Amino acid sequence: MLQAIFRKNLPHFVLEAELSVNNEILVLVGPSGAGKTTILQCVAGLQCPDEGEIRLGDRLIYSSSERIDLPPRLRRIGYVFQEYALFPHMTVQKNIVYGMPKTGKGEQGCRLAVEEALEILRITQLRDRYPHQISGGEKQRVALARALMTEPELMLLDEPMSALDHKTRTLLQQELHDLQVKWGIPFVLVTHDLREAEILGDKIVRVPVGGETREVVKSYL
């Protein structure tokens, strides 16, 4: 479970967020510049809030009052970026292996084996290809597989389907929903598409343009 309440001072407004996510998909929807990606990055540890608290399960990963700010590598959070951020010089399999925790135990010490990740995302046949040799939908699957290899307790996805055509996007929306059910962890997904939010979201959070209302972000069903 993710519980987060924090404030972040941005150049043109103050972003205030209050989120509570169980093992479900929560979708942040709103216009560009409203602060959706900033919320993800604060939860992931890529940005630091100015005040507040973020708790993942029974772990306090950020607290301004207690001076706690775990680095991203210790938060156990998977992050899929809008552009997927795959390494162009690595094969699909090497991109996925890159996400494995550096435990010194090798693949045998991980909850999810590379072969299983390839099978779950149906990309086994792509293992020896490079990012420039695969489609946008396949790149998304590789990015998801790499994120799963971090053994996350939470998955964050920043507009992961924005660059896909309608047919591929519709297919992957269902696959993403099925993956969340199979993996059984909270997913937080950013989109500007309200229809996509309605399809994927167990909860939807409308993120307003912050400079006007400074409203705390609330969820609705």
C-alpha atoms as a PDB file:
ATOM      1  CA  MET A   1       0.000   0.000   0.000  1.00  0.00           C
ATOM      2  CA  LEU A   2       1.174   3.506  -0.857  1.00  0.00           C
ATOM      3  CA  GLN A   3       0.241   6.425   1.370  1.00  0.00           C
ATOM      4  CA  ALA A   4       1.583   9.839   0.443  1.00  0.00           C
ATOM      5  CA  ILE A   5       0.826  13.378   1.507  1.00  0.00           C
ATOM      6  CA  PHE A   6       3.295  16.057   0.512  1.00  0.00           C
ATOM      7  CA  ARG A   7       3.822  19.550  -0.818  1.00  0.00           C
ATOM      8  CA  LYS A   8       6.219  20.574  -3.581  1.00  0.00           C
ATOM      9  CA  ASN A   9       6.973  24.188  -4.487  1.00  0.00           C
ATOM     10  CA  LEU A  10       7.098  24.506  -8.274  1.00  0.00           C
ATOM     11  CA  PRO A  11       8.075  27.635 -10.248  1.00  0.00           C
ATOM     12  CA  HIS A  12       4.490  28.786 -10.877  1.00  0.00           C
ATOM     13  CA  PHE A  13       2.407  27.087  -8.202  1.00  0.00           C
ATOM     14  CA  VAL A  14       2.439  24.906  -5.105  1.00  0.00           C
ATOM     15  CA  LEU A  15       1.624  21.248  -5.757  1.00  0.00           C
ATOM     16  CA  GLU A  16      -0.172  19.474  -2.936  1.00  0.00           C
ATOM     17  CA  ALA A  17      -0.791  15.735  -3.223  1.00  0.00           C
ATOM     18  CA  GLU A  18      -2.615  13.242  -1.049  1.00  0.00           C
ATOM     19  CA  LEU A  19      -2.730   9.660  -2.334  1.00  0.00           C
ATOM     20  CA  SER A  20      -3.721   6.300  -0.914  1.00  0.00           C
ATOM     21  CA  VAL A  21      -3.315   3.226  -3.128  1.00  0.00           C
ATOM     22  CA  ASN A  22      -3.896  -0.423  -2.266  1.00  0.00           C
ATOM     23  CA  ASN A  23      -3.199  -3.305  -4.657  1.00  0.00           C
ATOM     24  CA  GLU A  24      -4.991  -1.574  -7.525  1.00  0.00           C
ATOM     25  CA  ILE A  25      -4.399   0.857 -10.377  1.00  0.00           C
ATOM     26  CA  LEU A  26      -4.617   4.533  -9.540  1.00  0.00           C
ATOM     27  CA  VAL A  27      -4.555   6.892 -12.526  1.00  0.00           C
ATOM     28  CA  LEU A  28      -3.437  10.524 -12.377  1.00  0.00           C
ATOM     29  CA  VAL A  29      -5.182  12.429 -15.151  1.00  0.00           C
ATOM     30  CA  GLY A  30      -4.913  16.094 -16.039  1.00  0.00           C
ATOM     31  CA  PRO A  31      -3.441  18.614 -18.479  1.00  0.00           C
ATOM     32  CA  SER A  32       0.230  19.043 -19.237  1.00  0.00           C
ATOM     33  CA  GLY A  33       2.017  21.081 -16.612  1.00  0.00           C
ATOM     34  CA  ALA A  34      -0.376  20.183 -13.797  1.00  0.00           C
ATOM     35  CA  GLY A  35       2.289  18.264 -11.845  1.00  0.00           C
ATOM     36  CA  LYS A  36       1.437  14.618 -12.613  1.00  0.00           C
ATOM     37  CA  THR A  37       5.003  13.576 -13.434  1.00  0.00           C
ATOM     38  CA  THR A  38       6.292  15.547 -10.455  1.00  0.00           C
ATOM     39  CA  ILE A  39       4.058  13.450  -8.180  1.00  0.00           C
ATOM     40  CA  LEU A  40       5.544  10.245  -9.624  1.00  0.00           C
ATOM     41  CA  GLN A  41       9.078  11.534  -9.294  1.00  0.00           C
ATOM     42  CA  CYS A  42       8.565  12.584  -5.675  1.00  0.00           C
ATOM     43  CA  VAL A  43       7.254   9.118  -4.833  1.00  0.00           C
ATOM     44  CA  ALA A  44      10.164   7.478  -6.701  1.00  0.00           C
ATOM     45  CA  GLY A  45      12.778   9.680  -5.029  1.00  0.00           C
ATOM     46  CA  LEU A  46      13.828  11.437  -8.236  1.00  0.00           C
ATOM     47  CA  GLN A  47      12.604  14.733  -6.770  1.00  0.00           C
ATOM     48  CA  CYS A  48      12.333  15.740  -3.133  1.00  0.00           C
ATOM     49  CA  PRO A  49       9.109  17.246  -1.750  1.00  0.00           C
ATOM     50  CA  ASP A  50       9.383  20.349   0.406  1.00  0.00           C
ATOM     51  CA  GLU A  51       7.226  18.906   3.139  1.00  0.00           C
ATOM     52  CA  GLY A  52       5.267  15.763   3.907  1.00  0.00           C
ATOM     53  CA  GLU A  53       5.481  11.996   4.266  1.00  0.00           C
ATOM     54  CA  ILE A  54       5.502   9.007   1.910  1.00  0.00           C
ATOM     55  CA  ARG A  55       4.971   5.477   3.195  1.00  0.00           C
ATOM     56  CA  LEU A  56       5.176   2.262   1.175  1.00  0.00           C
ATOM     57  CA  GLY A  57       3.788  -0.707   3.056  1.00  0.00           C
ATOM     58  CA  ASP A  58       5.285  -0.557   6.534  1.00  0.00           C
ATOM     59  CA  ARG A  59       8.308   1.467   5.379  1.00  0.00           C
ATOM     60  CA  LEU A  60       8.653   5.211   5.708  1.00  0.00           C
ATOM     61  CA  ILE A  61      10.551   6.196   2.561  1.00  0.00           C
ATOM     62  CA  TYR A  62      10.252   9.974   2.929  1.00  0.00           C
ATOM     63  CA  SER A  63       9.513  12.223   5.901  1.00  0.00           C
ATOM     64  CA  SER A  64      10.414  15.900   6.142  1.00  0.00           C
ATOM     65  CA  SER A  65       9.822  15.929   9.906  1.00  0.00           C
ATOM     66  CA  GLU A  66      12.012  12.874  10.562  1.00  0.00           C
ATOM     67  CA  ARG A  67      14.612  13.806   7.908  1.00  0.00           C
ATOM     68  CA  ILE A  68      14.138  10.541   6.012  1.00  0.00           C
ATOM     69  CA  ASP A  69      14.687  10.484   2.248  1.00  0.00           C
ATOM     70  CA  LEU A  70      15.577   7.029   0.918  1.00  0.00           C
ATOM     71  CA  PRO A  71      17.436   7.077  -2.408  1.00  0.00           C
ATOM     72  CA  PRO A  72      15.565   5.624  -5.402  1.00  0.00           C
ATOM     73  CA  ARG A  73      17.560   2.367  -5.418  1.00  0.00           C
ATOM     74  CA  LEU A  74      16.343   1.535  -1.892  1.00  0.00           C
ATOM     75  CA  ARG A  75      12.665   2.340  -2.393  1.00  0.00           C
ATOM     76  CA  ARG A  76      11.739  -0.880  -4.251  1.00  0.00           C
ATOM     77  CA  ILE A  77       9.754   1.071  -6.846  1.00  0.00           C
ATOM     78  CA  GLY A  78       9.561   0.221 -10.558  1.00  0.00           C
ATOM     79  CA  TYR A  79       9.421   3.203 -12.914  1.00  0.00           C
ATOM     80  CA  VAL A  80       8.441   3.134 -16.604  1.00  0.00           C
ATOM     81  CA  PHE A  81       9.293   6.421 -18.291  1.00  0.00           C
ATOM     82  CA  GLN A  82       7.314   7.972 -21.124  1.00  0.00           C
ATOM     83  CA  GLU A  83      10.153   7.318 -23.594  1.00  0.00           C
ATOM     84  CA  TYR A  84      10.898   3.894 -22.014  1.00  0.00           C
ATOM     85  CA  ALA A  85      14.593   4.854 -21.440  1.00  0.00           C
ATOM     86  CA  LEU A  86      15.976   1.639 -22.922  1.00  0.00           C
ATOM     87  CA  PHE A  87      19.725   1.386 -23.497  1.00  0.00           C
ATOM     88  CA  PRO A  88      20.214   1.419 -27.289  1.00  0.00           C
ATOM     89  CA  HIS A  89      23.505  -0.522 -27.162  1.00  0.00           C
ATOM     90  CA  MET A  90      21.976  -3.400 -25.158  1.00  0.00           C
ATOM     91  CA  THR A  91      19.811  -6.266 -26.356  1.00  0.00           C
ATOM     92  CA  VAL A  92      16.328  -6.727 -24.975  1.00  0.00           C
ATOM     93  CA  GLN A  93      17.557  -9.363 -22.532  1.00  0.00           C
ATOM     94  CA  LYS A  94      20.444  -7.209 -21.314  1.00  0.00           C
ATOM     95  CA  ASN A  95      18.082  -4.255 -20.844  1.00  0.00           C
ATOM     96  CA  ILE A  96      15.867  -6.460 -18.686  1.00  0.00           C
ATOM     97  CA  VAL A  97      18.762  -7.932 -16.687  1.00  0.00           C
ATOM     98  CA  TYR A  98      19.946  -4.401 -15.940  1.00  0.00           C
ATOM     99  CA  GLY A  99      16.935  -4.029 -13.639  1.00  0.00           C
ATOM    100  CA  MET A 100      17.905  -6.931 -11.399  1.00  0.00           C
ATOM    101  CA  PRO A 101      18.775  -6.008  -7.804  1.00  0.00           C
ATOM    102  CA  LYS A 102      22.508  -6.002  -7.158  1.00  0.00           C
ATOM    103  CA  THR A 103      22.338  -8.629  -4.387  1.00  0.00           C
ATOM    104  CA  GLY A 104      25.318 -10.704  -5.407  1.00  0.00           C
ATOM    105  CA  LYS A 105      23.034 -13.735  -5.585  1.00  0.00           C
ATOM    106  CA  GLY A 106      22.520 -13.660  -9.340  1.00  0.00           C
ATOM    107  CA  GLU A 107      19.245 -14.446 -11.034  1.00  0.00           C
ATOM    108  CA  GLN A 108      18.596 -17.382  -8.686  1.00  0.00           C
ATOM    109  CA  GLY A 109      18.240 -14.952  -5.790  1.00  0.00           C
ATOM    110  CA  CYS A 110      15.507 -12.937  -7.495  1.00  0.00           C
ATOM    111  CA  ARG A 111      11.785 -13.398  -7.117  1.00  0.00           C
ATOM    112  CA  LEU A 112      11.308 -13.189 -10.886  1.00  0.00           C
ATOM    113  CA  ALA A 113      13.598 -14.942 -13.363  1.00  0.00           C
ATOM    114  CA  VAL A 114      14.509 -13.218 -16.622  1.00  0.00           C
ATOM    115  CA  GLU A 115      12.905 -16.023 -18.624  1.00  0.00           C
ATOM    116  CA  GLU A 116       9.668 -15.614 -16.666  1.00  0.00           C
ATOM    117  CA  ALA A 117       9.676 -11.847 -17.253  1.00  0.00           C
ATOM    118  CA  LEU A 118      10.107 -12.450 -20.978  1.00  0.00           C
ATOM    119  CA  GLU A 119       7.226 -14.924 -20.975  1.00  0.00           C
ATOM    120  CA  ILE A 120       4.890 -12.729 -18.883  1.00  0.00           C
ATOM    121  CA  LEU A 121       5.293  -9.839 -21.335  1.00  0.00           C
ATOM    122  CA  ARG A 122       5.354 -12.161 -24.374  1.00  0.00           C
ATOM    123  CA  ILE A 123       8.700 -10.921 -25.675  1.00  0.00           C
ATOM    124  CA  THR A 124      10.798 -14.119 -25.500  1.00  0.00           C
ATOM    125  CA  GLN A 125      11.355 -13.999 -29.260  1.00  0.00           C
ATOM    126  CA  LEU A 126      12.845 -10.492 -28.946  1.00  0.00           C
ATOM    127  CA  ARG A 127      15.544 -11.307 -26.414  1.00  0.00           C
ATOM    128  CA  ASP A 128      18.490 -10.843 -28.826  1.00  0.00           C
ATOM    129  CA  ARG A 129      17.165  -7.762 -30.629  1.00  0.00           C
ATOM    130  CA  TYR A 130      18.102  -4.148 -29.962  1.00  0.00           C
ATOM    131  CA  PRO A 131      15.639  -1.327 -29.180  1.00  0.00           C
ATOM    132  CA  HIS A 132      15.846   0.125 -32.698  1.00  0.00           C
ATOM    133  CA  GLN A 133      14.744  -3.253 -34.080  1.00  0.00           C
ATOM    134  CA  ILE A 134      11.432  -3.462 -32.166  1.00  0.00           C
ATOM    135  CA  SER A 135       8.127  -1.568 -32.225  1.00  0.00           C
ATOM    136  CA  GLY A 136       6.771   0.944 -29.729  1.00  0.00           C
ATOM    137  CA  GLY A 137       4.482  -1.633 -28.140  1.00  0.00           C
ATOM    138  CA  GLU A 138       7.380  -4.071 -27.807  1.00  0.00           C
ATOM    139  CA  LYS A 139       9.540  -1.369 -26.241  1.00  0.00           C
ATOM    140  CA  GLN A 140       6.832  -0.795 -23.656  1.00  0.00           C
ATOM    141  CA  ARG A 141       6.797  -4.489 -22.796  1.00  0.00           C
ATOM    142  CA  VAL A 142      10.594  -4.485 -22.416  1.00  0.00           C
ATOM    143  CA  ALA A 143      10.427  -1.456 -20.134  1.00  0.00           C
ATOM    144  CA  LEU A 144       7.760  -3.161 -18.014  1.00  0.00           C
ATOM    145  CA  ALA A 145       9.826  -6.352 -17.812  1.00  0.00           C
ATOM    146  CA  ARG A 146      12.888  -4.391 -16.706  1.00  0.00           C
ATOM    147  CA  ALA A 147      10.836  -2.583 -14.059  1.00  0.00           C
ATOM    148  CA  LEU A 148       9.477  -5.912 -12.765  1.00  0.00           C
ATOM    149  CA  MET A 149      13.012  -7.246 -12.408  1.00  0.00           C
ATOM    150  CA  THR A 150      13.636  -4.641  -9.704  1.00  0.00           C
ATOM    151  CA  GLU A 151      11.221  -6.684  -7.560  1.00  0.00           C
ATOM    152  CA  PRO A 152       9.082  -3.594  -6.917  1.00  0.00           C
ATOM    153  CA  GLU A 153       6.506  -3.051  -4.203  1.00  0.00           C
ATOM    154  CA  LEU A 154       4.997  -0.286  -6.351  1.00  0.00           C
ATOM    155  CA  MET A 155       4.944   0.400 -10.103  1.00  0.00           C
ATOM    156  CA  LEU A 156       4.925   3.943 -11.521  1.00  0.00           C
ATOM    157  CA  LEU A 157       4.137   4.532 -15.206  1.00  0.00           C
ATOM    158  CA  ASP A 158       4.476   7.952 -16.844  1.00  0.00           C
ATOM    159  CA  GLU A 159       2.201   8.090 -19.930  1.00  0.00           C
ATOM    160  CA  PRO A 160       3.566   4.738 -21.123  1.00  0.00           C
ATOM    161  CA  MET A 161       1.176   4.482 -24.082  1.00  0.00           C
ATOM    162  CA  SER A 162       1.147   8.050 -25.367  1.00  0.00           C
ATOM    163  CA  ALA A 163       3.247   7.286 -28.457  1.00  0.00           C
ATOM    164  CA  LEU A 164       1.363   4.151 -29.531  1.00  0.00           C
ATOM    165  CA  ASP A 165      -1.235   3.780 -32.263  1.00  0.00           C
ATOM    166  CA  HIS A 166      -4.850   3.135 -31.257  1.00  0.00           C
ATOM    167  CA  LYS A 167      -4.831  -0.618 -31.919  1.00  0.00           C
ATOM    168  CA  THR A 168      -1.617  -1.251 -30.005  1.00  0.00           C
ATOM    169  CA  ARG A 169      -2.714   1.059 -27.213  1.00  0.00           C
ATOM    170  CA  THR A 170      -6.027  -0.792 -26.759  1.00  0.00           C
ATOM    171  CA  LEU A 171      -4.244  -4.160 -26.614  1.00  0.00           C
ATOM    172  CA  LEU A 172      -1.644  -2.990 -24.106  1.00  0.00           C
ATOM    173  CA  GLN A 173      -4.240  -1.372 -21.850  1.00  0.00           C
ATOM    174  CA  GLN A 174      -5.734  -4.812 -21.244  1.00  0.00           C
ATOM    175  CA  GLU A 175      -2.286  -6.379 -20.850  1.00  0.00           C
ATOM    176  CA  LEU A 176      -1.322  -3.754 -18.294  1.00  0.00           C
ATOM    177  CA  HIS A 177      -4.492  -4.392 -16.303  1.00  0.00           C
ATOM    178  CA  ASP A 178      -3.854  -8.154 -16.368  1.00  0.00           C
ATOM    179  CA  LEU A 179      -0.233  -7.625 -15.304  1.00  0.00           C
ATOM    180  CA  GLN A 180      -1.286  -5.598 -12.268  1.00  0.00           C
ATOM    181  CA  VAL A 181      -3.715  -8.320 -11.200  1.00  0.00           C
ATOM    182  CA  LYS A 182      -1.055 -11.018 -11.676  1.00  0.00           C
ATOM    183  CA  TRP A 183       1.690  -9.115  -9.853  1.00  0.00           C
ATOM    184  CA  GLY A 184      -0.568  -7.903  -7.017  1.00  0.00           C
ATOM    185  CA  ILE A 185       1.105  -4.566  -6.248  1.00  0.00           C
ATOM    186  CA  PRO A 186      -0.122  -0.958  -6.524  1.00  0.00           C
ATOM    187  CA  PHE A 187       0.236   0.717  -9.921  1.00  0.00           C
ATOM    188  CA  VAL A 188       0.159   4.509 -10.332  1.00  0.00           C
ATOM    189  CA  LEU A 189      -0.199   5.615 -13.943  1.00  0.00           C
ATOM    190  CA  VAL A 190      -0.097   9.100 -15.467  1.00  0.00           C
ATOM    191  CA  THR A 191      -2.162  10.018 -18.521  1.00  0.00           C
ATOM    192  CA  HIS A 192      -3.825  13.064 -20.058  1.00  0.00           C
ATOM    193  CA  ASP A 193      -6.475  10.824 -21.666  1.00  0.00           C
ATOM    194  CA  LEU A 194      -9.628  10.611 -19.543  1.00  0.00           C
ATOM    195  CA  ARG A 195     -10.921   7.641 -21.570  1.00  0.00           C
ATOM    196  CA  GLU A 196      -7.734   5.711 -20.838  1.00  0.00           C
ATOM    197  CA  ALA A 197      -8.065   6.637 -17.166  1.00  0.00           C
ATOM    198  CA  GLU A 198     -11.617   5.269 -17.095  1.00  0.00           C
ATOM    199  CA  ILE A 199     -10.518   2.005 -18.734  1.00  0.00           C
ATOM    200  CA  LEU A 200      -7.524   1.345 -16.498  1.00  0.00           C
ATOM    201  CA  GLY A 201      -8.222   3.068 -13.203  1.00  0.00           C
ATOM    202  CA  ASP A 202      -9.650   1.436 -10.101  1.00  0.00           C
ATOM    203  CA  LYS A 203      -9.250   4.964  -8.771  1.00  0.00           C
ATOM    204  CA  ILE A 204      -8.832   8.159 -10.773  1.00  0.00           C
ATOM    205  CA  VAL A 205      -7.197  11.321  -9.489  1.00  0.00           C
ATOM    206  CA  ARG A 206      -7.873  14.539 -11.360  1.00  0.00           C
ATOM    207  CA  VAL A 207      -4.840  16.795 -11.083  1.00  0.00           C
ATOM    208  CA  PRO A 208      -5.930  20.416 -11.664  1.00  0.00           C
ATOM    209  CA  VAL A 209      -3.687  23.147 -12.981  1.00  0.00           C
ATOM    210  CA  GLY A 210      -2.060  24.021  -9.682  1.00  0.00           C
ATOM    211  CA  GLY A 211      -1.663  27.762  -9.911  1.00  0.00           C
ATOM    212  CA  GLU A 212      -5.409  28.378  -9.766  1.00  0.00           C
ATOM    213  CA  THR A 213      -6.798  26.289  -6.923  1.00  0.00           C
ATOM    214  CA  ARG A 214      -3.929  24.667  -5.029  1.00  0.00           C
ATOM    215  CA  GLU A 215      -6.419  21.940  -4.201  1.00  0.00           C
ATOM    216  CA  VAL A 216      -5.246  18.785  -2.532  1.00  0.00           C
ATOM    217  CA  VAL A 217      -5.370  15.974  -5.057  1.00  0.00           C
ATOM    218  CA  LYS A 218      -8.248  13.652  -4.144  1.00  0.00           C
ATOM    219  CA  SER A 219      -9.395  10.362  -5.651  1.00  0.00           C
ATOM    220  CA  TYR A 220     -12.853   9.480  -6.842  1.00  0.00           C
ATOM    221  CA  LEU A 221     -14.401   6.236  -8.057  1.00  0.00           C
END
